[in-house]
Every structure is written in structure tokens, then in C-alpha cells.
Amino acid sequence: MPSATQVAADYEDRVVTVGISRYTGNVQVYVYDANGIVVGYTVSSISGSGTVTLDTSNLPQGDYTLCIILDNATYSGEFFI
């Protein structure tokens, strides 16, 4: 049985860190503000496992949505700055 891709996100010191394991392909990380506007993004390639970071120090205090897009799945969640 194949292993499932694992995705974990953390927010600390105004940096979003996304850890991915058991995956090879492109990773797109987007941050949307409360109005649904993209206010930050990064694109990386992962081979097996890796970490993607996104600095949010330029964003004002408020509610945000994190969206992580892999080739075969999309994950999202909310966080507050």
C-alpha cells in the first residue's frame, strides 16, 4: 500500500512554514486576506520531503487563509496575525 502525503503548517514569528513528506512535485503556498485577495505566495519543488517558508512580516494584523496546492490535492486553513 502506498504511503499518503503528509502536510503540516506552522505559524511562528511571522513566518508560515509548511512541511511536506512522501511527495514529489510542485508546491504552491498562497496567503489570502479577509477579502480573498492574494497577499503572499511562493512556489517550490519537493522531492520526497521538504519545507516551504513564507515571510508574512509585511502583513498587517488580521485574519488570513493559507492555501497549499500540490499536484494531487489542496489544503487550506486559517490563521491570525
C-alpha atoms as a PDB file:
ATOM      1  CA  MET A   1       0.000   0.000   0.000  1.00  0.00           C
ATOM      2  CA  PRO A   2       1.484   3.433  -0.923  1.00  0.00           C
ATOM      3  CA  SER A   3       2.180   5.953   1.809  1.00  0.00           C
ATOM      4  CA  ALA A   4      -0.023   9.017   1.978  1.00  0.00           C
ATOM      5  CA  THR A   5       1.399  12.503   1.536  1.00  0.00           C
ATOM      6  CA  GLN A   6       1.711  14.370   4.818  1.00  0.00           C
ATOM      7  CA  VAL A   7       1.319  18.145   5.051  1.00  0.00           C
ATOM      8  CA  ALA A   8       1.753  20.246   8.204  1.00  0.00           C
ATOM      9  CA  ALA A   9       1.714  24.023   8.561  1.00  0.00           C
ATOM     10  CA  ASP A  10       3.007  26.191  11.395  1.00  0.00           C
ATOM     11  CA  TYR A  11       2.984  29.933  12.025  1.00  0.00           C
ATOM     12  CA  GLU A  12       5.626  31.431  14.289  1.00  0.00           C
ATOM     13  CA  ASP A  13       7.500  34.754  14.389  1.00  0.00           C
ATOM     14  CA  ARG A  14       5.522  35.990  11.352  1.00  0.00           C
ATOM     15  CA  VAL A  15       6.730  33.118   9.160  1.00  0.00           C
ATOM     16  CA  VAL A  16       4.484  30.386   7.742  1.00  0.00           C
ATOM     17  CA  THR A  17       6.313  27.061   7.495  1.00  0.00           C
ATOM     18  CA  VAL A  18       4.850  24.172   5.515  1.00  0.00           C
ATOM     19  CA  GLY A  19       6.409  20.732   5.934  1.00  0.00           C
ATOM     20  CA  ILE A  20       5.650  18.088   3.337  1.00  0.00           C
ATOM     21  CA  SER A  21       6.678  14.441   3.265  1.00  0.00           C
ATOM     22  CA  ARG A  22       6.044  11.496   0.941  1.00  0.00           C
ATOM     23  CA  TYR A  23       5.534  13.788  -2.058  1.00  0.00           C
ATOM     24  CA  THR A  24       7.399  14.734  -5.212  1.00  0.00           C
ATOM     25  CA  GLY A  25       6.211  17.682  -7.300  1.00  0.00           C
ATOM     26  CA  ASN A  26       5.382  21.359  -7.162  1.00  0.00           C
ATOM     27  CA  VAL A  27       4.077  23.077  -4.044  1.00  0.00           C
ATOM     28  CA  GLN A  28       2.196  26.371  -4.234  1.00  0.00           C
ATOM     29  CA  VAL A  29       1.574  28.251  -0.995  1.00  0.00           C
ATOM     30  CA  TYR A  30      -0.825  31.213  -1.014  1.00  0.00           C
ATOM     31  CA  VAL A  31      -1.970  33.571   1.730  1.00  0.00           C
ATOM     32  CA  TYR A  32      -5.301  35.345   1.245  1.00  0.00           C
ATOM     33  CA  ASP A  33      -6.570  38.262   3.294  1.00  0.00           C
ATOM     34  CA  ALA A  34     -10.120  38.517   4.674  1.00  0.00           C
ATOM     35  CA  ASN A  35     -11.294  39.884   1.305  1.00  0.00           C
ATOM     36  CA  GLY A  36      -9.960  36.890  -0.634  1.00  0.00           C
ATOM     37  CA  ILE A  37      -7.048  38.821  -2.151  1.00  0.00           C
ATOM     38  CA  VAL A  38      -3.683  37.068  -2.508  1.00  0.00           C
ATOM     39  CA  VAL A  39      -1.252  38.919  -0.247  1.00  0.00           C
ATOM     40  CA  GLY A  40       1.618  36.417  -0.330  1.00  0.00           C
ATOM     41  CA  TYR A  41       2.701  33.369  -2.280  1.00  0.00           C
ATOM     42  CA  THR A  42       5.623  31.113  -3.064  1.00  0.00           C
ATOM     43  CA  VAL A  43       6.165  28.152  -5.366  1.00  0.00           C
ATOM     44  CA  SER A  44       8.695  25.381  -4.728  1.00  0.00           C
ATOM     45  CA  SER A  45       9.549  21.861  -5.847  1.00  0.00           C
ATOM     46  CA  ILE A  46       9.730  18.995  -3.374  1.00  0.00           C
ATOM     47  CA  SER A  47      11.391  15.646  -3.960  1.00  0.00           C
ATOM     48  CA  GLY A  48      10.375  13.162  -1.281  1.00  0.00           C
ATOM     49  CA  SER A  49      10.120  15.658   1.566  1.00  0.00           C
ATOM     50  CA  GLY A  50      10.906  19.272   2.292  1.00  0.00           C
ATOM     51  CA  THR A  51       9.926  22.566   3.843  1.00  0.00           C
ATOM     52  CA  VAL A  52       8.488  25.709   2.264  1.00  0.00           C
ATOM     53  CA  THR A  53       8.518  29.031   4.135  1.00  0.00           C
ATOM     54  CA  LEU A  54       6.685  32.283   3.538  1.00  0.00           C
ATOM     55  CA  ASP A  55       7.544  35.514   5.358  1.00  0.00           C
ATOM     56  CA  THR A  56       4.419  37.421   6.413  1.00  0.00           C
ATOM     57  CA  SER A  57       6.142  40.225   8.327  1.00  0.00           C
ATOM     58  CA  ASN A  58       4.818  42.825   5.865  1.00  0.00           C
ATOM     59  CA  LEU A  59       1.168  41.924   6.535  1.00  0.00           C
ATOM     60  CA  PRO A  60      -0.996  43.920   8.959  1.00  0.00           C
ATOM     61  CA  GLN A  61      -2.828  42.327  11.862  1.00  0.00           C
ATOM     62  CA  GLY A  62      -5.896  40.385  10.779  1.00  0.00           C
ATOM     63  CA  ASP A  63      -7.404  37.080   9.675  1.00  0.00           C
ATOM     64  CA  TYR A  64      -5.792  35.185   6.801  1.00  0.00           C
ATOM     65  CA  THR A  65      -6.331  31.964   4.879  1.00  0.00           C
ATOM     66  CA  LEU A  66      -3.448  29.677   3.994  1.00  0.00           C
ATOM     67  CA  CYS A  67      -3.856  27.575   0.842  1.00  0.00           C
ATOM     68  CA  ILE A  68      -1.380  24.811  -0.043  1.00  0.00           C
ATOM     69  CA  ILE A  69      -1.732  23.356  -3.532  1.00  0.00           C
ATOM     70  CA  LEU A  70       0.010  20.124  -4.522  1.00  0.00           C
ATOM     71  CA  ASP A  71      -0.270  18.377  -7.880  1.00  0.00           C
ATOM     72  CA  ASN A  72      -2.887  15.996  -6.458  1.00  0.00           C
ATOM     73  CA  ALA A  73      -4.510  17.825  -3.519  1.00  0.00           C
ATOM     74  CA  THR A  74      -5.347  21.204  -1.973  1.00  0.00           C
ATOM     75  CA  TYR A  75      -5.210  22.035   1.739  1.00  0.00           C
ATOM     76  CA  SER A  76      -6.397  25.196   3.468  1.00  0.00           C
ATOM     77  CA  GLY A  77      -6.682  26.667   6.917  1.00  0.00           C
ATOM     78  CA  GLU A  78      -6.995  29.978   8.713  1.00  0.00           C
ATOM     79  CA  PHE A  79      -4.596  31.879  10.940  1.00  0.00           C
ATOM     80  CA  PHE A  80      -4.429  35.257  12.673  1.00  0.00           C
ATOM     81  CA  ILE A  81      -1.600  37.777  12.671  1.00  0.00           C
END
